[in-house]
Each structure stands twice: as structure tokens, then as C-alpha cells.
Amino acid sequence: MENVFIMDHPLIQHKISMIRKKETGTNEFRKLIEEIAVLMGYEALRDLPLEDVEVETPLETCMTPMIAGKKLAVVPVLRAGLGMVNGITTLVPSAKIGHIGLYRDPETHEPHEYYCKLPDPIDQRQIVMVDPMLATGGSAVAAVNFIKQHGGKKIKCMFIIAAPEGLKRLHEAHPDVQIYIGHMDRELNEHAYICPGLGDAGDRIFGTK
């Protein structure tokens, strides 16, 4: 699929295997999510635009490349997406951070928005939307819809694990959006959980049940 990137880096695969383990505790889980976000972000941001700027070294003045344009915008989908934010800001400390809050109807599994706050001007920024899991794709499609409605144009989505059903739904709804996935899992079960998956990412990041 065009604009879909499945990561095959050994470090990403190894760390994903560690977060799958049910005995991995909150502290370790949180650290691993952040580390995976750094590794995925390194790959996902390889096409950031550059411009030559004048810099004075201890020896002479030279023109040297730096990231061009408005600052990057990282947009986590609340609440689990918060676990990936520090990974991206480790790479780009000047990034602005927006937030999208969605909740999933327990009966229909369809998403509803309860919060959306994005950096301004959003239309001039490269946006990286982060969420550890792409399950049905409903929340991801809705979140990208909200970003586009607010004027966002250049959008990348990052998910640590994904179900084929969710990837298909998101890609069909937003073929212009670049999608980065750490690992493609087998399927969704009847409760719309990714299998083999890693349970509820939000609960495991924040230590809630």
C-alpha cells in the first residue's frame, strides 16, 4: 500500500515483544513505549524538509542544513497516545504538542470527540499523530478528520501495533496520510481487541484497570 510503512528494525521488534509480555510492569512498559516511539520517529521523520543556514564553527563560517519551516506538531490521541509524545520530543525538542480526546462507544465501538486543541497555525506544520494501537481504525479516522477540519494538511500517523482491519479502514479513508506501524498483528477479536496484541495500552501505561 502506498503511504504505509511497516517497521522491520530489530530493536523495534524486540521492544514490542517486551511490551506484549503480561508480566511487564507499568514503569518498564512506559519506558519501552517511549523508546519504541523514538525509534519509529527516527524513521518516520527522515523526509523532514531542510534549509541551509549560516553557522559559525570554531574555524570558519559555513552554510549547513537545519530543519525548515514551522515547528513539528505532535498530536497524541488521548490518553494512550501521551505515552509516545516524549519519544518524538526527544528527537525534536522544539515540537509543539496538540491533543485529541476521543472515547469509544461501548456498544457500537464508534468514536466520539470530547477534546481537540491543536497548535496554530496547524496548516503550516508537519503533524505526527501518535497512538500505540490501531484496532478498528474508527478513532484514527476520526482523529485525522478532526485535524483536517482544523486545517491540518501534512499528516503522519504512528502506531506501535495495528490490526489489518484498522489499517485498511484508515488507509481507505485517508490515502494521503503516511501511516507508520511497528508491527502488524493478526486480527481483531469479537471485542475489537488486537490479537495477539498487548492488552489495553492506556491501562498499562498509566497503571489503571
C-alpha atoms as a PDB file:
ATOM      1  CA  MET A   1       0.000   0.000   0.000  1.00  0.00           C
ATOM      2  CA  GLU A   2       1.283   3.442  -0.861  1.00  0.00           C
ATOM      3  CA  ASN A   3       1.996   5.661   2.182  1.00  0.00           C
ATOM      4  CA  VAL A   4       2.028   2.644   4.533  1.00  0.00           C
ATOM      5  CA  PHE A   5       5.321   1.765   6.244  1.00  0.00           C
ATOM      6  CA  ILE A   6       5.707  -1.369   8.393  1.00  0.00           C
ATOM      7  CA  MET A   7       8.846  -1.132  10.529  1.00  0.00           C
ATOM      8  CA  ASP A   8      11.195  -4.111  10.450  1.00  0.00           C
ATOM      9  CA  HIS A   9      14.024  -2.777  12.616  1.00  0.00           C
ATOM     10  CA  PRO A  10      15.236  -5.463  15.064  1.00  0.00           C
ATOM     11  CA  LEU A  11      15.266  -3.032  18.025  1.00  0.00           C
ATOM     12  CA  ILE A  12      11.632  -2.067  17.406  1.00  0.00           C
ATOM     13  CA  GLN A  13      10.591  -5.721  17.093  1.00  0.00           C
ATOM     14  CA  HIS A  14      12.482  -6.696  20.262  1.00  0.00           C
ATOM     15  CA  LYS A  15      10.932  -3.903  22.335  1.00  0.00           C
ATOM     16  CA  ILE A  16       7.428  -4.663  21.033  1.00  0.00           C
ATOM     17  CA  SER A  17       7.890  -8.277  22.165  1.00  0.00           C
ATOM     18  CA  MET A  18       8.791  -6.981  25.638  1.00  0.00           C
ATOM     19  CA  ILE A  19       5.648  -4.835  25.937  1.00  0.00           C
ATOM     20  CA  ARG A  20       3.487  -7.782  24.878  1.00  0.00           C
ATOM     21  CA  LYS A  21       4.511  -9.762  27.985  1.00  0.00           C
ATOM     22  CA  LYS A  22       1.778  -9.591  30.601  1.00  0.00           C
ATOM     23  CA  GLU A  23       4.377  -9.522  33.395  1.00  0.00           C
ATOM     24  CA  THR A  24       5.922  -6.268  32.087  1.00  0.00           C
ATOM     25  CA  GLY A  25       5.030  -3.697  34.774  1.00  0.00           C
ATOM     26  CA  THR A  26       3.838  -0.116  34.378  1.00  0.00           C
ATOM     27  CA  ASN A  27       7.242   1.572  34.737  1.00  0.00           C
ATOM     28  CA  GLU A  28       9.015  -0.690  32.243  1.00  0.00           C
ATOM     29  CA  PHE A  29       6.039  -0.613  29.856  1.00  0.00           C
ATOM     30  CA  ARG A  30       6.015   3.197  29.866  1.00  0.00           C
ATOM     31  CA  LYS A  31       9.764   3.381  29.177  1.00  0.00           C
ATOM     32  CA  LEU A  32       9.538   0.862  26.333  1.00  0.00           C
ATOM     33  CA  ILE A  33       6.629   2.709  24.665  1.00  0.00           C
ATOM     34  CA  GLU A  34       8.768   5.868  24.733  1.00  0.00           C
ATOM     35  CA  GLU A  35      11.828   4.045  23.339  1.00  0.00           C
ATOM     36  CA  ILE A  36       9.770   2.497  20.527  1.00  0.00           C
ATOM     37  CA  ALA A  37       8.386   5.960  19.698  1.00  0.00           C
ATOM     38  CA  VAL A  38      11.969   7.299  19.404  1.00  0.00           C
ATOM     39  CA  LEU A  39      12.986   4.509  17.032  1.00  0.00           C
ATOM     40  CA  MET A  40       9.816   4.814  14.932  1.00  0.00           C
ATOM     41  CA  GLY A  41      10.081   8.601  14.918  1.00  0.00           C
ATOM     42  CA  TYR A  42      13.642   8.421  13.610  1.00  0.00           C
ATOM     43  CA  GLU A  43      12.340   6.525  10.581  1.00  0.00           C
ATOM     44  CA  ALA A  44       9.116   8.494  10.149  1.00  0.00           C
ATOM     45  CA  LEU A  45      10.868  11.884  10.168  1.00  0.00           C
ATOM     46  CA  ARG A  46      13.531  11.064   7.560  1.00  0.00           C
ATOM     47  CA  ASP A  47      11.766  13.264   4.970  1.00  0.00           C
ATOM     48  CA  LEU A  48      11.571  16.444   7.061  1.00  0.00           C
ATOM     49  CA  PRO A  49      12.473  19.412   4.836  1.00  0.00           C
ATOM     50  CA  LEU A  50      15.877  21.055   5.326  1.00  0.00           C
ATOM     51  CA  GLU A  51      17.227  24.526   4.603  1.00  0.00           C
ATOM     52  CA  ASP A  52      20.820  25.760   4.653  1.00  0.00           C
ATOM     53  CA  VAL A  53      21.573  28.270   7.388  1.00  0.00           C
ATOM     54  CA  GLU A  54      24.749  30.163   8.186  1.00  0.00           C
ATOM     55  CA  VAL A  55      26.636  28.815  11.203  1.00  0.00           C
ATOM     56  CA  GLU A  56      29.945  29.912  12.699  1.00  0.00           C
ATOM     57  CA  THR A  57      32.160  26.983  13.683  1.00  0.00           C
ATOM     58  CA  PRO A  58      35.332  27.490  15.779  1.00  0.00           C
ATOM     59  CA  LEU A  59      37.210  27.606  12.451  1.00  0.00           C
ATOM     60  CA  GLU A  60      35.027  29.421   9.931  1.00  0.00           C
ATOM     61  CA  THR A  61      31.532  30.379   8.827  1.00  0.00           C
ATOM     62  CA  CYS A  62      29.630  27.829   6.740  1.00  0.00           C
ATOM     63  CA  MET A  63      26.211  27.036   5.325  1.00  0.00           C
ATOM     64  CA  THR A  64      24.790  23.899   6.925  1.00  0.00           C
ATOM     65  CA  PRO A  65      21.357  22.189   6.852  1.00  0.00           C
ATOM     66  CA  MET A  66      18.727  22.568   9.579  1.00  0.00           C
ATOM     67  CA  ILE A  67      15.041  21.601   9.681  1.00  0.00           C
ATOM     68  CA  ALA A  68      12.974  24.108   7.705  1.00  0.00           C
ATOM     69  CA  GLY A  69       9.530  25.602   8.198  1.00  0.00           C
ATOM     70  CA  LYS A  70       7.175  25.817  11.157  1.00  0.00           C
ATOM     71  CA  LYS A  71       7.871  23.574  14.114  1.00  0.00           C
ATOM     72  CA  LEU A  72       6.643  19.985  14.090  1.00  0.00           C
ATOM     73  CA  ALA A  73       3.290  19.276  15.773  1.00  0.00           C
ATOM     74  CA  VAL A  74       2.917  16.065  17.784  1.00  0.00           C
ATOM     75  CA  VAL A  75      -0.718  15.146  18.361  1.00  0.00           C
ATOM     76  CA  PRO A  76      -1.394  12.243  20.739  1.00  0.00           C
ATOM     77  CA  VAL A  77      -4.807  10.637  20.788  1.00  0.00           C
ATOM     78  CA  LEU A  78      -5.752  10.699  24.479  1.00  0.00           C
ATOM     79  CA  ARG A  79      -4.954   9.004  26.614  1.00  0.00           C
ATOM     80  CA  ALA A  80      -2.649   6.211  25.470  1.00  0.00           C
ATOM     81  CA  GLY A  81      -1.038   8.417  22.817  1.00  0.00           C
ATOM     82  CA  LEU A  82       0.518  10.514  25.604  1.00  0.00           C
ATOM     83  CA  GLY A  83       2.942   7.646  26.202  1.00  0.00           C
ATOM     84  CA  MET A  84       4.573   8.257  22.804  1.00  0.00           C
ATOM     85  CA  VAL A  85       4.957  12.060  22.992  1.00  0.00           C
ATOM     86  CA  ASN A  86       8.269  12.150  24.867  1.00  0.00           C
ATOM     87  CA  GLY A  87       9.772   9.796  22.296  1.00  0.00           C
ATOM     88  CA  ILE A  88       9.091  12.293  19.496  1.00  0.00           C
ATOM     89  CA  THR A  89      10.144  15.348  21.518  1.00  0.00           C
ATOM     90  CA  THR A  90      13.425  13.561  22.339  1.00  0.00           C
ATOM     91  CA  LEU A  91      14.135  13.777  18.606  1.00  0.00           C
ATOM     92  CA  VAL A  92      12.586  17.218  18.024  1.00  0.00           C
ATOM     93  CA  PRO A  93      12.608  19.131  21.356  1.00  0.00           C
ATOM     94  CA  SER A  94      11.080  22.241  19.766  1.00  0.00           C
ATOM     95  CA  ALA A  95       7.947  20.368  18.604  1.00  0.00           C
ATOM     96  CA  LYS A  96       4.568  21.789  19.569  1.00  0.00           C
ATOM     97  CA  ILE A  97       2.050  19.427  21.142  1.00  0.00           C
ATOM     98  CA  GLY A  98      -1.673  19.217  20.424  1.00  0.00           C
ATOM     99  CA  HIS A  99      -4.240  16.839  21.916  1.00  0.00           C
ATOM    100  CA  ILE A 100      -7.268  14.967  20.616  1.00  0.00           C
ATOM    101  CA  GLY A 101      -9.630  13.303  23.078  1.00  0.00           C
ATOM    102  CA  LEU A 102     -11.881  10.511  21.862  1.00  0.00           C
ATOM    103  CA  TYR A 103     -13.968   7.948  23.655  1.00  0.00           C
ATOM    104  CA  ARG A 104     -15.313   4.766  22.116  1.00  0.00           C
ATOM    105  CA  ASP A 105     -18.982   3.886  22.471  1.00  0.00           C
ATOM    106  CA  PRO A 106     -19.006   0.522  24.304  1.00  0.00           C
ATOM    107  CA  GLU A 107     -21.883  -0.757  22.167  1.00  0.00           C
ATOM    108  CA  THR A 108     -21.063   0.472  18.649  1.00  0.00           C
ATOM    109  CA  HIS A 109     -17.267   0.897  19.149  1.00  0.00           C
ATOM    110  CA  GLU A 110     -17.594   4.202  17.237  1.00  0.00           C
ATOM    111  CA  PRO A 111     -15.504   7.188  18.413  1.00  0.00           C
ATOM    112  CA  HIS A 112     -16.821  10.476  19.815  1.00  0.00           C
ATOM    113  CA  GLU A 113     -14.707  13.620  20.269  1.00  0.00           C
ATOM    114  CA  TYR A 114     -14.573  15.300  23.670  1.00  0.00           C
ATOM    115  CA  TYR A 115     -11.440  17.452  23.263  1.00  0.00           C
ATOM    116  CA  CYS A 116      -9.385  18.901  20.399  1.00  0.00           C
ATOM    117  CA  LYS A 117      -6.652  21.521  20.807  1.00  0.00           C
ATOM    118  CA  LEU A 118      -4.020  21.937  18.097  1.00  0.00           C
ATOM    119  CA  PRO A 119      -1.005  24.268  17.707  1.00  0.00           C
ATOM    120  CA  ASP A 120      -1.560  27.292  15.472  1.00  0.00           C
ATOM    121  CA  PRO A 121      -1.026  27.678  12.521  1.00  0.00           C
ATOM    122  CA  ILE A 122      -1.686  23.959  12.081  1.00  0.00           C
ATOM    123  CA  ASP A 123      -1.875  24.143   8.273  1.00  0.00           C
ATOM    124  CA  GLN A 124       1.832  25.037   8.022  1.00  0.00           C
ATOM    125  CA  ARG A 125       3.140  22.282  10.279  1.00  0.00           C
ATOM    126  CA  GLN A 126       4.135  18.683   9.734  1.00  0.00           C
ATOM    127  CA  ILE A 127       1.765  16.813  12.069  1.00  0.00           C
ATOM    128  CA  VAL A 128       2.630  13.483  13.689  1.00  0.00           C
ATOM    129  CA  MET A 129      -0.423  11.840  15.244  1.00  0.00           C
ATOM    130  CA  VAL A 130       0.511   9.134  17.754  1.00  0.00           C
ATOM    131  CA  ASP A 131      -1.474   6.297  19.315  1.00  0.00           C
ATOM    132  CA  PRO A 132       0.045   2.968  20.427  1.00  0.00           C
ATOM    133  CA  MET A 133      -2.722   0.866  18.862  1.00  0.00           C
ATOM    134  CA  LEU A 134      -4.672   0.880  15.592  1.00  0.00           C
ATOM    135  CA  ALA A 135      -7.563  -1.518  16.220  1.00  0.00           C
ATOM    136  CA  THR A 136     -10.842  -0.931  14.358  1.00  0.00           C
ATOM    137  CA  GLY A 137      -9.453   2.275  12.842  1.00  0.00           C
ATOM    138  CA  GLY A 138     -12.512   4.240  13.953  1.00  0.00           C
ATOM    139  CA  SER A 139     -10.665   6.516  16.375  1.00  0.00           C
ATOM    140  CA  ALA A 140      -7.771   7.072  13.977  1.00  0.00           C
ATOM    141  CA  VAL A 141     -10.078   8.016  11.092  1.00  0.00           C
ATOM    142  CA  ALA A 142     -11.995  10.386  13.380  1.00  0.00           C
ATOM    143  CA  ALA A 143      -8.795  11.956  14.743  1.00  0.00           C
ATOM    144  CA  VAL A 144      -7.419  12.595  11.234  1.00  0.00           C
ATOM    145  CA  ASN A 145     -10.826  14.022  10.265  1.00  0.00           C
ATOM    146  CA  PHE A 146     -10.605  16.489  13.177  1.00  0.00           C
ATOM    147  CA  ILE A 147      -7.046  17.505  12.256  1.00  0.00           C
ATOM    148  CA  LYS A 148      -8.080  18.103   8.638  1.00  0.00           C
ATOM    149  CA  GLN A 149     -11.185  20.038   9.735  1.00  0.00           C
ATOM    150  CA  HIS A 150      -8.894  22.335  11.739  1.00  0.00           C
ATOM    151  CA  GLY A 151      -6.752  22.911   8.629  1.00  0.00           C
ATOM    152  CA  GLY A 152      -4.020  20.278   9.037  1.00  0.00           C
ATOM    153  CA  LYS A 153      -2.570  19.144   5.710  1.00  0.00           C
ATOM    154  CA  LYS A 154       0.724  17.276   6.181  1.00  0.00           C
ATOM    155  CA  ILE A 155      -0.137  14.346   8.449  1.00  0.00           C
ATOM    156  CA  LYS A 156       1.762  11.247   9.522  1.00  0.00           C
ATOM    157  CA  CYS A 157       0.231   8.632  11.843  1.00  0.00           C
ATOM    158  CA  MET A 158       2.314   6.382  14.092  1.00  0.00           C
ATOM    159  CA  PHE A 159       1.036   3.191  15.735  1.00  0.00           C
ATOM    160  CA  ILE A 160       3.120   0.642  17.618  1.00  0.00           C
ATOM    161  CA  ILE A 161       0.835  -2.271  16.743  1.00  0.00           C
ATOM    162  CA  ALA A 162      -2.039  -2.474  14.278  1.00  0.00           C
ATOM    163  CA  ALA A 163      -4.773  -4.854  13.139  1.00  0.00           C
ATOM    164  CA  PRO A 164      -5.232  -5.372   9.381  1.00  0.00           C
ATOM    165  CA  GLU A 165      -8.866  -4.213   9.683  1.00  0.00           C
ATOM    166  CA  GLY A 166      -7.851  -0.872  11.191  1.00  0.00           C
ATOM    167  CA  LEU A 167      -5.073  -0.240   8.692  1.00  0.00           C
ATOM    168  CA  LYS A 168      -7.450  -0.915   5.782  1.00  0.00           C
ATOM    169  CA  ARG A 169     -10.095   1.435   7.194  1.00  0.00           C
ATOM    170  CA  LEU A 170      -7.651   4.281   7.908  1.00  0.00           C
ATOM    171  CA  HIS A 171      -5.827   3.954   4.578  1.00  0.00           C
ATOM    172  CA  GLU A 172      -9.085   3.904   2.588  1.00  0.00           C
ATOM    173  CA  ALA A 173     -10.449   6.941   4.458  1.00  0.00           C
ATOM    174  CA  HIS A 174      -7.190   8.949   4.260  1.00  0.00           C
ATOM    175  CA  PRO A 175      -4.957   7.651   1.439  1.00  0.00           C
ATOM    176  CA  ASP A 176      -2.902  10.891   1.561  1.00  0.00           C
ATOM    177  CA  VAL A 177      -1.739  10.266   5.144  1.00  0.00           C
ATOM    178  CA  GLN A 178       1.537   8.443   5.800  1.00  0.00           C
ATOM    179  CA  ILE A 179       0.991   5.536   8.223  1.00  0.00           C
ATOM    180  CA  TYR A 180       3.875   4.066  10.239  1.00  0.00           C
ATOM    181  CA  ILE A 181       3.345   0.770  12.059  1.00  0.00           C
ATOM    182  CA  GLY A 182       5.721  -1.033  14.420  1.00  0.00           C
ATOM    183  CA  HIS A 183       4.105  -4.444  13.934  1.00  0.00           C
ATOM    184  CA  MET A 184       1.096  -5.773  12.023  1.00  0.00           C
ATOM    185  CA  ASP A 185      -0.817  -8.130  14.289  1.00  0.00           C
ATOM    186  CA  ARG A 186      -3.112 -10.975  13.209  1.00  0.00           C
ATOM    187  CA  GLU A 187      -6.669  -9.732  13.721  1.00  0.00           C
ATOM    188  CA  LEU A 188      -9.301  -8.141  15.951  1.00  0.00           C
ATOM    189  CA  ASN A 189     -11.268 -10.404  18.267  1.00  0.00           C
ATOM    190  CA  GLU A 190     -15.036 -10.150  18.843  1.00  0.00           C
ATOM    191  CA  HIS A 191     -14.452  -7.410  21.464  1.00  0.00           C
ATOM    192  CA  ALA A 192     -12.444  -5.310  18.955  1.00  0.00           C
ATOM    193  CA  TYR A 193      -9.137  -6.014  20.750  1.00  0.00           C
ATOM    194  CA  ILE A 194      -5.977  -6.579  18.712  1.00  0.00           C
ATOM    195  CA  CYS A 195      -4.694 -10.179  18.857  1.00  0.00           C
ATOM    196  CA  PRO A 196      -2.136 -11.211  19.983  1.00  0.00           C
ATOM    197  CA  GLY A 197      -1.835  -7.536  20.992  1.00  0.00           C
ATOM    198  CA  LEU A 198      -0.741  -6.304  24.396  1.00  0.00           C
ATOM    199  CA  GLY A 199      -3.984  -5.659  26.274  1.00  0.00           C
ATOM    200  CA  ASP A 200      -5.152  -2.108  26.951  1.00  0.00           C
ATOM    201  CA  ALA A 201      -2.229   0.247  26.252  1.00  0.00           C
ATOM    202  CA  GLY A 202      -3.721   3.114  28.283  1.00  0.00           C
ATOM    203  CA  ASP A 203      -4.201   0.941  31.363  1.00  0.00           C
ATOM    204  CA  ARG A 204      -0.682  -0.442  31.065  1.00  0.00           C
ATOM    205  CA  ILE A 205       0.952   2.978  30.565  1.00  0.00           C
ATOM    206  CA  PHE A 206      -0.905   4.675  33.417  1.00  0.00           C
ATOM    207  CA  GLY A 207      -1.283   1.736  35.782  1.00  0.00           C
ATOM    208  CA  THR A 208      -5.087   1.782  35.768  1.00  0.00           C
ATOM    209  CA  LYS A 209      -7.555  -1.025  35.350  1.00  0.00           C
END
